[in-house]
């Protein structure tokens, strides 16, 4: 009984072994001897054939797996992919160029707008006042410019005339100096002549005085003779005729004295006249010298006027520089008017590009400042993908290679494109705080380089994408 149970137990173990080999049909012959001591089963030749078939099928399956893996590796090595990618696009910030009150907002968030459509209206009161002020300043600058041009023309004409006149005055005064100098020399000659005449008159006076002495001696002799004869006549010693002869001789002597004295007086008058002539000639010479000095001073004055007139080019340059300054002021005023007109035009804000209104933060009645972000326009026709590939994936990557892109938002669709460019620098290098490997402990980290992928799909299909969506591009590098 124990043997039958044992055989029965062994049979169960055999059936369990059947299950362990994958439910294969293994037939055990119950007539085969069973070793009760080793609990081993002796299989029939049919069971060995089945094992060989199992090994054959396993080898074939392994070969299929290896071949499939090799084919997949050969296929997969043609591509480089990453899940560190996202959709990007041009987002234009809309900001005011002038500070004013918002009077009208024409759009709402997520509204699609076309380029040139009105977005916001600003109050124009202050801007119109500024424009009027700029126009008034332009008129003032234009008047100043016209006045400067007129002054320049007048300066050019007057300075040229003054230069000609001053040059003529210099020549005239030089001639006057020469004439007065010659006149002074003539006056000096007249002094010499007057002095010579004075000397002659004085000599004649001396001679006349010398000629008076003889007549006076003759008078004294005649008087003595007449007195002597008078005494003799009274005594009766001589005749009346003799007395008359002495009287006549006395009268003749006295006449000669009077004549000589008159000649002396006449010579004295000529001396006085000659001396007066000398004084007059001297005074005339002094006056002529003074006139020479006056004409010389006139020459200096004329030269000064000529030098002043010769400064005409400088005055003309100054006047022309004033014209240029006035012209610059006019140009500046025109620029101010243009600027005021531009600022007035900035009171209406239009859509810069086609796209959707996002991040709208402006309301009517709000005071906006220059440069403050009011909204953003997310362009829908200029979308691309930025993929941050590892630096170890870039060895064979080149611009122009085909790319297949999967978008997480549209898992059932795929997008085609091509590599446009590879950024000339890693992402970490352009971060706010780039890594400084020279400080601290260095740990090598595989860097990522942004690659721009342009989509080659139709505009309608690309419009479904918005910046920021996650993407998974696959670049065919071989």
Protein backbone atom coordinates (compact mmCIF):
# COMPACT_ATOMS: atom_id res chain seq x y z
CA UNK A 1 0.00 0.00 0.00
CA UNK A 2 2.79 2.32 0.69
CA UNK A 3 4.24 1.78 -2.74
CA UNK A 4 0.98 2.60 -4.44
CA UNK A 5 0.65 5.80 -2.45
CA UNK A 6 4.17 6.65 -3.22
CA UNK A 7 3.56 6.05 -6.86
CA UNK A 8 0.47 8.12 -6.63
CA UNK A 9 2.44 10.92 -4.98
CA UNK A 10 5.09 10.66 -7.59
CA UNK A 11 2.46 10.92 -10.26
CA UNK A 12 1.28 14.17 -8.82
CA UNK A 13 4.79 15.49 -8.83
CA UNK A 14 5.10 14.51 -12.47
CA UNK A 15 1.93 16.37 -13.31
CA UNK A 16 3.28 19.40 -11.48
CA UNK A 17 6.39 19.23 -13.58
CA UNK A 18 4.18 19.26 -16.62
CA UNK A 19 2.72 22.56 -15.51
CA UNK A 20 6.15 24.00 -14.74
CA UNK A 21 7.37 23.50 -18.30
CA UNK A 22 4.65 25.51 -19.81
CA UNK A 23 1.73 23.07 -19.83
CA UNK A 24 3.43 20.92 -22.44
CA UNK A 25 1.94 17.54 -23.20
CA UNK A 26 4.42 15.14 -21.60
CA UNK A 27 3.29 11.52 -21.38
CA UNK A 28 4.72 9.39 -18.59
CA UNK A 29 4.61 5.68 -18.95
CA UNK A 30 3.40 4.22 -15.68
CA UNK A 31 5.13 0.96 -16.52
CA UNK A 32 8.54 2.69 -16.32
CA UNK A 33 10.43 1.82 -13.24
CA UNK A 34 10.53 4.52 -10.59
CA UNK A 35 13.46 4.88 -8.30
CA UNK A 36 12.00 5.33 -4.87
CA UNK A 37 15.24 6.54 -3.41
CA UNK A 38 16.02 9.44 -5.86
CA UNK A 39 12.45 10.45 -6.80
CA UNK A 40 13.57 10.90 -10.43
CA UNK A 41 11.48 10.07 -13.45
CA UNK A 42 12.92 8.40 -16.49
CA UNK A 43 11.41 10.02 -19.64
CA UNK A 44 10.69 8.22 -22.76
CA UNK A 45 12.47 9.07 -26.09
CA UNK A 46 9.36 11.06 -27.16
CA UNK A 47 9.88 13.52 -24.28
CA UNK A 48 13.50 14.23 -25.42
CA UNK A 49 12.38 15.16 -28.92
CA UNK A 50 9.99 17.71 -27.51
CA UNK A 51 12.75 19.33 -25.46
CA UNK A 52 14.88 19.70 -28.53
CA UNK A 53 11.99 21.44 -30.28
CA UNK A 54 11.61 23.75 -27.32
CA UNK A 55 15.28 24.77 -27.49
CA UNK A 56 14.98 25.32 -31.24
CA UNK A 57 11.94 27.55 -30.94
CA UNK A 58 13.61 29.49 -28.09
CA UNK A 59 16.70 30.10 -30.22
CA UNK A 60 14.58 31.25 -33.14
CA UNK A 61 12.65 33.65 -30.86
CA UNK A 62 15.87 35.05 -29.40
CA UNK A 63 17.29 35.53 -32.91
CA UNK A 64 14.10 37.37 -33.94
CA UNK A 65 14.36 39.61 -30.87
CA UNK A 66 18.04 40.37 -31.55
CA UNK A 67 17.40 41.11 -35.23
CA UNK A 68 14.43 43.33 -34.32
CA UNK A 69 16.51 45.15 -31.72
CA UNK A 70 19.30 45.66 -34.24
CA UNK A 71 16.86 46.99 -36.83
CA UNK A 72 15.31 49.32 -34.22
CA UNK A 73 18.77 50.53 -33.16
CA UNK A 74 19.78 51.14 -36.76
CA UNK A 75 16.56 53.11 -37.25
CA UNK A 76 16.65 54.97 -33.93
CA UNK A 77 20.28 56.06 -34.34
CA UNK A 78 19.16 58.22 -37.29
CA UNK A 79 17.23 60.50 -34.97
CA UNK A 80 17.94 62.77 -32.02
CA UNK A 81 14.98 63.69 -29.86
CA UNK A 82 14.26 65.47 -26.59
CA UNK A 83 11.25 66.22 -24.44
CA UNK A 84 12.83 69.49 -23.26
CA UNK A 85 11.15 71.57 -25.96
CA UNK A 86 8.32 74.05 -26.24
CA UNK A 87 6.46 76.10 -28.78
CA UNK A 88 7.66 79.68 -29.08
CA UNK A 89 6.48 82.72 -31.05
CA UNK A 90 6.70 86.47 -31.31
CA UNK A 91 4.84 88.23 -28.53
CA UNK A 92 4.63 91.97 -29.00
CA UNK A 93 4.15 94.12 -25.93
CA UNK A 94 1.76 97.02 -26.45
CA UNK A 95 2.86 100.08 -24.47
CA UNK A 96 1.93 103.78 -24.75
CA UNK A 97 4.42 106.30 -26.09
CA UNK A 98 2.77 109.16 -24.22
CA UNK A 99 1.37 109.59 -20.75
CA UNK A 100 -2.40 110.22 -20.83
CA UNK A 101 -5.82 109.08 -19.66
CA UNK A 102 -7.38 106.07 -21.43
CA UNK A 103 -10.66 107.15 -23.03
CA UNK A 104 -11.55 103.99 -24.97
CA UNK A 105 -10.49 100.32 -25.05
CA UNK A 106 -11.57 98.59 -28.27
CA UNK A 107 -10.57 94.97 -27.52
CA UNK A 108 -11.01 92.28 -24.89
CA UNK A 109 -8.72 89.50 -23.76
CA UNK A 110 -8.03 86.66 -26.23
CA UNK A 111 -9.61 88.61 -29.09
CA UNK A 112 -8.00 88.12 -32.49
CA UNK A 113 -6.97 91.41 -34.10
CA UNK A 114 -5.47 92.33 -37.41
CA UNK A 115 -2.54 94.64 -37.89
CA UNK A 116 -3.63 98.28 -37.86
CA UNK A 117 -6.87 97.75 -35.94
CA UNK A 118 -7.46 100.27 -33.10
CA UNK A 119 -6.73 98.98 -29.63
CA UNK A 120 -6.78 101.97 -27.25
CA UNK A 121 -7.68 105.68 -27.45
CA UNK A 122 -5.97 108.19 -25.15
CA UNK A 123 -7.01 111.70 -24.15
CA UNK A 124 -5.57 114.28 -26.60
CA UNK A 125 -6.15 117.56 -24.70
CA UNK A 126 -2.64 118.08 -23.36
CA UNK A 127 -1.12 116.79 -26.58
CA UNK A 128 -3.06 119.31 -28.68
CA UNK A 129 -1.92 122.15 -26.39
CA UNK A 130 1.66 121.00 -26.74
CA UNK A 131 1.29 120.93 -30.52
CA UNK A 132 -0.02 124.53 -30.56
CA UNK A 133 2.89 125.66 -28.39
CA UNK A 134 5.34 123.97 -30.73
CA UNK A 135 3.74 125.68 -33.74
CA UNK A 136 3.99 129.09 -32.00
CA UNK A 137 7.66 128.45 -31.23
CA UNK A 138 8.17 127.51 -34.87
CA UNK A 139 6.69 130.83 -36.00
CA UNK A 140 8.97 132.68 -33.58
CA UNK A 141 12.00 130.76 -34.80
CA UNK A 142 11.03 131.46 -38.43
CA UNK A 143 10.78 135.19 -37.68
CA UNK A 144 14.18 135.15 -36.01
CA UNK A 145 15.59 133.34 -39.00
CA UNK A 146 14.15 135.91 -41.45
CA UNK A 147 15.55 138.73 -39.30
CA UNK A 148 18.97 137.07 -39.18
CA UNK A 149 18.96 136.66 -42.98
CA UNK A 150 18.06 140.36 -43.44
CA UNK A 151 20.77 141.41 -40.96
CA UNK A 152 23.30 139.26 -42.77
CA UNK A 153 22.47 140.84 -46.12
CA UNK A 154 22.63 144.35 -44.63
CA UNK A 155 25.92 143.56 -42.88
CA UNK A 156 27.42 142.26 -46.10
CA UNK A 157 26.46 145.38 -48.04
CA UNK A 158 27.38 147.89 -45.34
CA UNK A 159 30.69 146.27 -44.50
CA UNK A 160 31.77 146.19 -48.13
CA UNK A 161 30.87 149.89 -48.52
CA UNK A 162 32.62 150.74 -45.27
CA UNK A 163 35.73 148.92 -46.40
CA UNK A 164 35.83 150.87 -49.66
CA UNK A 165 35.21 154.17 -47.90
CA UNK A 166 37.77 153.46 -45.20
CA UNK A 167 40.38 152.59 -47.79
CA UNK A 168 39.62 155.83 -49.62
CA UNK A 169 39.84 157.78 -46.36
CA UNK A 170 43.23 156.28 -45.62
CA UNK A 171 44.55 157.32 -49.00
CA UNK A 172 43.02 160.81 -48.61
CA UNK A 173 44.44 161.34 -45.15
CA UNK A 174 47.84 160.14 -46.30
CA UNK A 175 47.68 162.68 -49.10
CA UNK A 176 46.60 165.33 -46.60
CA UNK A 177 49.52 164.44 -44.36
CA UNK A 178 51.91 164.84 -47.29
CA UNK A 179 50.32 168.14 -48.28
CA UNK A 180 50.39 169.52 -44.75
CA UNK A 181 53.98 168.34 -44.41
CA UNK A 182 54.89 170.18 -47.60
CA UNK A 183 52.93 173.21 -46.39
CA UNK A 184 54.80 173.02 -43.08
CA UNK A 185 58.09 172.95 -44.94
CA UNK A 186 56.91 175.95 -46.94
CA UNK A 187 55.98 177.73 -43.70
CA UNK A 188 59.40 176.87 -42.35
CA UNK A 189 60.92 178.40 -45.48
CA UNK A 190 58.80 181.49 -44.94
CA UNK A 191 60.23 181.75 -41.43
CA UNK A 192 63.71 181.68 -42.87
CA UNK A 193 62.73 184.29 -45.42
CA UNK A 194 61.09 186.45 -42.76
CA UNK A 195 64.13 186.11 -40.54
CA UNK A 196 66.37 187.11 -43.48
CA UNK A 197 64.10 190.06 -44.16
CA UNK A 198 64.29 190.97 -40.49
CA UNK A 199 68.01 190.86 -40.56
CA UNK A 200 68.03 193.03 -43.68
CA UNK A 201 65.66 195.48 -42.07
CA UNK A 202 67.77 195.56 -38.95
CA UNK A 203 70.85 196.20 -41.08
CA UNK A 204 69.04 198.99 -42.92
CA UNK A 205 67.95 200.37 -39.56
CA UNK A 206 71.50 200.34 -38.30
CA UNK A 207 72.63 201.95 -41.52
CA UNK A 208 69.89 204.56 -41.29
CA UNK A 209 70.83 205.28 -37.72
CA UNK A 210 74.42 205.58 -38.77
CA UNK A 211 73.39 208.04 -41.48
CA UNK A 212 71.62 210.24 -38.87
CA UNK A 213 74.88 211.07 -37.07
CA UNK A 214 76.36 213.12 -39.96
CA UNK A 215 73.28 215.31 -40.45
CA UNK A 216 73.08 215.86 -36.73
CA UNK A 217 76.75 216.90 -36.67
CA UNK A 218 76.07 219.16 -39.62
CA UNK A 219 73.15 220.70 -37.69
CA UNK A 220 75.26 221.35 -34.68
CA UNK A 221 77.96 222.91 -36.85
CA UNK A 222 75.37 224.96 -38.73
CA UNK A 223 73.89 226.16 -35.43
CA UNK A 224 77.30 227.20 -34.16
CA UNK A 225 78.03 228.96 -37.44
CA UNK A 226 74.67 230.67 -37.45
CA UNK A 227 75.07 231.80 -33.84
CA UNK A 228 78.50 233.12 -34.55
CA UNK A 229 77.24 235.00 -37.60
CA UNK A 230 74.25 236.24 -35.65
CA UNK A 231 76.55 237.69 -33.06
CA UNK A 232 78.68 239.27 -35.75
CA UNK A 233 75.57 240.61 -37.49
CA UNK A 234 74.37 242.18 -34.31
CA UNK A 235 77.73 243.85 -34.00
CA UNK A 236 77.48 244.88 -37.57
CA UNK A 237 80.50 243.02 -38.61
CA UNK A 238 78.81 241.01 -41.32
CA UNK A 239 76.07 241.61 -43.73
CA UNK A 240 72.54 240.38 -43.64
CA UNK A 241 73.22 238.14 -46.54
CA UNK A 242 75.91 236.27 -44.67
CA UNK A 243 73.52 235.77 -41.76
CA UNK A 244 70.85 234.42 -44.12
CA UNK A 245 73.31 232.04 -45.66
CA UNK A 246 74.16 230.58 -42.24
CA UNK A 247 70.48 230.31 -41.43
CA UNK A 248 69.81 228.56 -44.71
CA UNK A 249 72.68 226.18 -44.08
CA UNK A 250 71.24 225.47 -40.61
CA UNK A 251 67.82 224.80 -42.04
CA UNK A 252 69.28 222.51 -44.71
CA UNK A 253 71.19 220.57 -42.05
CA UNK A 254 68.07 220.23 -39.98
CA UNK A 255 66.18 219.04 -43.07
CA UNK A 256 68.82 216.41 -43.66
CA UNK A 257 68.51 215.33 -39.99
CA UNK A 258 64.75 215.06 -40.34
CA UNK A 259 65.17 213.10 -43.54
CA UNK A 260 67.69 210.78 -41.94
CA UNK A 261 65.45 210.38 -38.92
CA UNK A 262 62.56 209.54 -41.17
CA UNK A 263 64.71 206.95 -42.85
CA UNK A 264 65.52 205.56 -39.41
CA UNK A 265 61.84 205.50 -38.54
CA UNK A 266 61.09 203.87 -41.86
CA UNK A 267 63.84 201.30 -41.29
CA UNK A 268 62.50 200.70 -37.79
CA UNK A 269 59.04 200.14 -39.22
CA UNK A 270 60.48 197.66 -41.70
CA UNK A 271 62.29 195.96 -38.83
CA UNK A 272 59.08 195.77 -36.84
CA UNK A 273 57.23 194.51 -39.90
CA UNK A 274 59.92 191.92 -40.58
CA UNK A 275 59.86 190.83 -36.94
CA UNK A 276 56.08 190.54 -37.15
CA UNK A 277 56.47 188.54 -40.34
CA UNK A 278 58.90 186.26 -38.52
CA UNK A 279 56.40 185.79 -35.72
CA UNK A 280 53.61 185.24 -38.22
CA UNK A 281 55.69 182.75 -40.19
CA UNK A 282 56.64 180.99 -36.95
CA UNK A 283 52.99 180.82 -35.90
CA UNK A 284 52.01 179.60 -39.34
CA UNK A 285 54.71 176.96 -39.16
CA UNK A 286 53.52 175.89 -35.73
CA UNK A 287 49.95 175.69 -37.02
CA UNK A 288 51.11 173.73 -40.05
CA UNK A 289 52.94 171.32 -37.74
CA UNK A 290 49.77 170.99 -35.70
CA UNK A 291 47.87 170.38 -38.92
CA UNK A 292 50.40 167.70 -39.79
CA UNK A 293 49.73 166.06 -36.44
CA UNK A 294 46.00 166.38 -37.04
CA UNK A 295 46.26 164.78 -40.47
CA UNK A 296 48.51 162.07 -39.07
CA UNK A 297 45.93 161.35 -36.39
CA UNK A 298 43.34 161.28 -39.14
CA UNK A 299 45.52 158.73 -40.91
CA UNK A 300 45.59 156.62 -37.75
CA UNK A 301 41.84 157.00 -37.38
CA UNK A 302 41.34 156.11 -41.02
CA UNK A 303 43.59 153.09 -40.63
CA UNK A 304 41.57 152.07 -37.61
CA UNK A 305 38.40 152.42 -39.63
CA UNK A 306 40.06 150.46 -42.42
CA UNK A 307 41.03 147.71 -40.00
CA UNK A 308 37.49 147.75 -38.70
CA UNK A 309 36.26 147.61 -42.28
CA UNK A 310 38.75 144.82 -43.02
CA UNK A 311 37.01 142.88 -40.27
CA UNK A 312 34.02 142.77 -42.58
CA UNK A 313 34.53 139.06 -43.40
CA UNK A 314 34.46 138.30 -39.69
CA UNK A 315 31.30 140.35 -39.23
CA UNK A 316 29.82 138.64 -42.25
CA UNK A 317 30.81 135.28 -40.76
CA UNK A 318 29.22 136.29 -37.47
CA UNK A 319 26.04 137.35 -39.21
CA UNK A 320 26.03 134.15 -41.25
CA UNK A 321 26.62 132.14 -38.09
CA UNK A 322 23.65 133.93 -36.60
CA UNK A 323 21.70 132.89 -39.68
CA UNK A 324 22.86 129.30 -39.17
CA UNK A 325 21.91 129.51 -35.50
CA UNK A 326 18.50 130.85 -36.44
CA UNK A 327 18.17 128.11 -39.06
CA UNK A 328 19.08 125.52 -36.44
CA UNK A 329 16.47 127.04 -34.15
CA UNK A 330 13.94 126.76 -36.97
CA UNK A 331 14.89 123.14 -37.59
CA UNK A 332 14.62 122.42 -33.86
CA UNK A 333 11.21 124.11 -33.77
CA UNK A 334 10.09 122.09 -36.79
CA UNK A 335 11.32 118.95 -35.06
CA UNK A 336 9.37 119.96 -31.94
CA UNK A 337 6.24 120.40 -34.07
CA UNK A 338 6.85 117.03 -35.70
CA UNK A 339 7.39 115.47 -32.29
CA UNK A 340 4.18 117.04 -30.97
CA UNK A 341 2.31 115.73 -34.04
CA UNK A 342 3.77 112.28 -33.45
CA UNK A 343 2.79 112.36 -29.79
CA UNK A 344 -0.72 113.40 -30.82
CA UNK A 345 -0.81 110.47 -33.25
CA UNK A 346 0.35 108.22 -30.41
CA UNK A 347 -2.95 108.96 -28.65
CA UNK A 348 -4.42 106.19 -30.80
CA UNK A 349 -2.76 102.82 -30.28
CA UNK A 350 -3.13 100.27 -33.09
CA UNK A 351 -2.35 96.58 -33.32
CA UNK A 352 1.28 96.18 -34.46
CA UNK A 353 0.75 92.67 -35.86
CA UNK A 354 -1.93 90.04 -36.40
CA UNK A 355 -2.53 87.96 -33.32
CA UNK A 356 -4.47 87.39 -30.13
CA UNK A 357 -4.81 89.91 -27.33
CA UNK A 358 -3.24 88.53 -24.15
CA UNK A 359 -2.31 89.85 -20.72
CA UNK A 360 -4.68 92.83 -21.06
CA UNK A 361 -4.29 95.09 -18.03
CA UNK A 362 -5.78 98.41 -19.12
CA UNK A 363 -9.19 99.90 -18.50
CA UNK A 364 -10.94 103.11 -19.49
CA UNK A 365 -10.16 106.08 -17.24
CA UNK A 366 -6.77 104.70 -16.29
CA UNK A 367 -3.72 107.00 -16.37
CA UNK A 368 -1.02 105.18 -18.30
CA UNK A 369 2.67 106.01 -18.31
CA UNK A 370 5.16 105.81 -21.14
CA UNK A 371 6.42 102.26 -21.62
CA UNK A 372 3.94 100.68 -19.20
CA UNK A 373 2.75 97.27 -20.55
CA UNK A 374 -0.95 97.45 -21.38
CA UNK A 375 -1.41 94.18 -23.28
CA UNK A 376 0.45 91.77 -25.49
CA UNK A 377 -0.21 90.51 -29.01
CA UNK A 378 0.65 86.85 -29.46
CA UNK A 379 1.32 86.42 -33.16
CA UNK A 380 -0.34 83.37 -34.67
CA UNK A 381 1.46 83.29 -38.00
CA UNK A 382 5.02 83.18 -36.72
CA UNK A 383 5.40 80.08 -34.55
CA UNK A 384 8.45 77.88 -34.07
CA UNK A 385 9.77 75.29 -31.66
CA UNK A 386 12.75 75.73 -29.36
CA UNK A 387 14.31 72.37 -28.43
CA UNK A 388 16.98 72.23 -25.73
CA UNK A 389 19.15 69.33 -26.91
CA UNK A 390 21.99 67.96 -24.86
CA UNK A 391 25.39 68.97 -26.11
CA UNK A 392 26.13 65.29 -26.76
CA UNK A 393 23.29 65.20 -29.32
CA UNK A 394 24.62 68.01 -31.52
CA UNK A 395 27.51 66.26 -33.25
CA UNK A 396 25.58 65.55 -36.45
CA UNK A 397 22.87 68.19 -36.16
CA UNK A 398 22.91 70.80 -38.93
CA UNK A 399 20.52 73.52 -40.16
CA UNK A 400 18.09 72.27 -42.77
CA UNK A 401 17.64 68.75 -41.32
CA UNK A 402 14.07 67.43 -41.26
CA UNK A 403 12.21 67.34 -37.95
CA UNK A 404 9.07 65.61 -36.76
CA UNK A 405 7.39 67.32 -33.81
CA UNK A 406 4.82 65.91 -31.44
CA UNK A 407 2.77 68.41 -29.43
CA UNK A 408 1.43 67.33 -26.05
CA UNK A 409 -1.77 69.27 -26.66
CA UNK A 410 -2.44 67.32 -29.88
CA UNK A 411 -1.12 63.79 -29.27
CA UNK A 412 -2.89 62.38 -32.33
CA UNK A 413 -1.18 64.79 -34.73
CA UNK A 414 2.40 65.31 -35.78
CA UNK A 415 4.03 68.38 -37.28
CA UNK A 416 6.90 68.54 -39.73
CA UNK A 417 9.62 71.14 -39.87
CA UNK A 418 13.34 71.71 -40.23
CA UNK A 419 16.23 72.91 -38.14
CA UNK A 420 16.80 76.60 -38.78
CA UNK A 421 19.68 77.38 -36.43
CA UNK A 422 21.62 76.29 -33.38
CA UNK A 423 22.17 78.90 -30.73
CA UNK A 424 25.80 80.03 -30.37
CA UNK A 425 25.91 79.33 -26.66
CA UNK A 426 24.37 77.09 -24.06
CA UNK A 427 21.27 78.07 -22.17
CA UNK A 428 23.09 78.34 -18.86
CA UNK A 429 25.62 80.74 -20.37
CA UNK A 430 22.88 83.29 -21.07
CA UNK A 431 21.09 82.86 -17.76
CA UNK A 432 20.80 85.68 -15.26
CA UNK A 433 23.48 84.11 -13.08
CA UNK A 434 25.81 82.06 -15.31
CA UNK A 435 27.70 79.26 -13.63
CA UNK A 436 31.21 80.14 -12.47
CA UNK A 437 33.14 76.88 -12.62
CA UNK A 438 36.27 78.55 -11.30
CA UNK A 439 34.65 78.92 -7.86
CA UNK A 440 33.65 76.11 -5.53
CA UNK A 441 33.74 72.43 -6.37
CA UNK A 442 33.29 71.64 -10.04
CA UNK A 443 30.68 69.04 -11.03
CA UNK A 444 30.41 68.31 -14.71
CA UNK A 445 26.85 68.74 -15.96
CA UNK A 446 25.74 67.98 -19.48
CA UNK A 447 24.75 71.31 -20.96
CA UNK A 448 21.78 71.98 -23.19
CA UNK A 449 21.85 74.11 -26.33
CA UNK A 450 18.68 75.70 -27.75
CA UNK A 451 17.88 74.69 -31.33
CA UNK A 452 15.30 76.64 -33.33
CA UNK A 453 12.96 74.45 -35.39
CA UNK A 454 10.74 76.10 -38.00
CA UNK A 455 7.49 74.31 -38.83
CA UNK A 456 6.71 73.55 -42.47
CA UNK A 457 2.95 73.23 -42.00
CA UNK A 458 0.10 75.28 -43.37
CA UNK A 459 -0.92 78.47 -41.59
CA UNK A 460 -4.26 76.99 -40.51
CA UNK A 461 -2.55 74.08 -38.82
CA UNK A 462 0.10 76.26 -37.16
CA UNK A 463 -2.58 78.59 -35.78
CA UNK A 464 -3.64 75.83 -33.40
CA UNK A 465 -0.32 76.19 -31.59
CA UNK A 466 0.37 78.85 -29.01
CA UNK A 467 3.66 79.82 -27.37
CA UNK A 468 4.54 77.78 -24.31
CA UNK A 469 3.07 74.44 -25.39
CA UNK A 470 5.24 71.42 -24.64
CA UNK A 471 6.71 69.63 -27.63
CA UNK A 472 8.86 66.60 -28.41
CA UNK A 473 10.88 67.03 -31.63
CA UNK A 474 12.79 64.28 -33.40
CA UNK A 475 15.56 65.40 -35.74
CA UNK A 476 16.76 63.11 -38.53
CA UNK A 477 20.54 63.49 -38.34
CA UNK A 478 21.56 60.58 -40.60
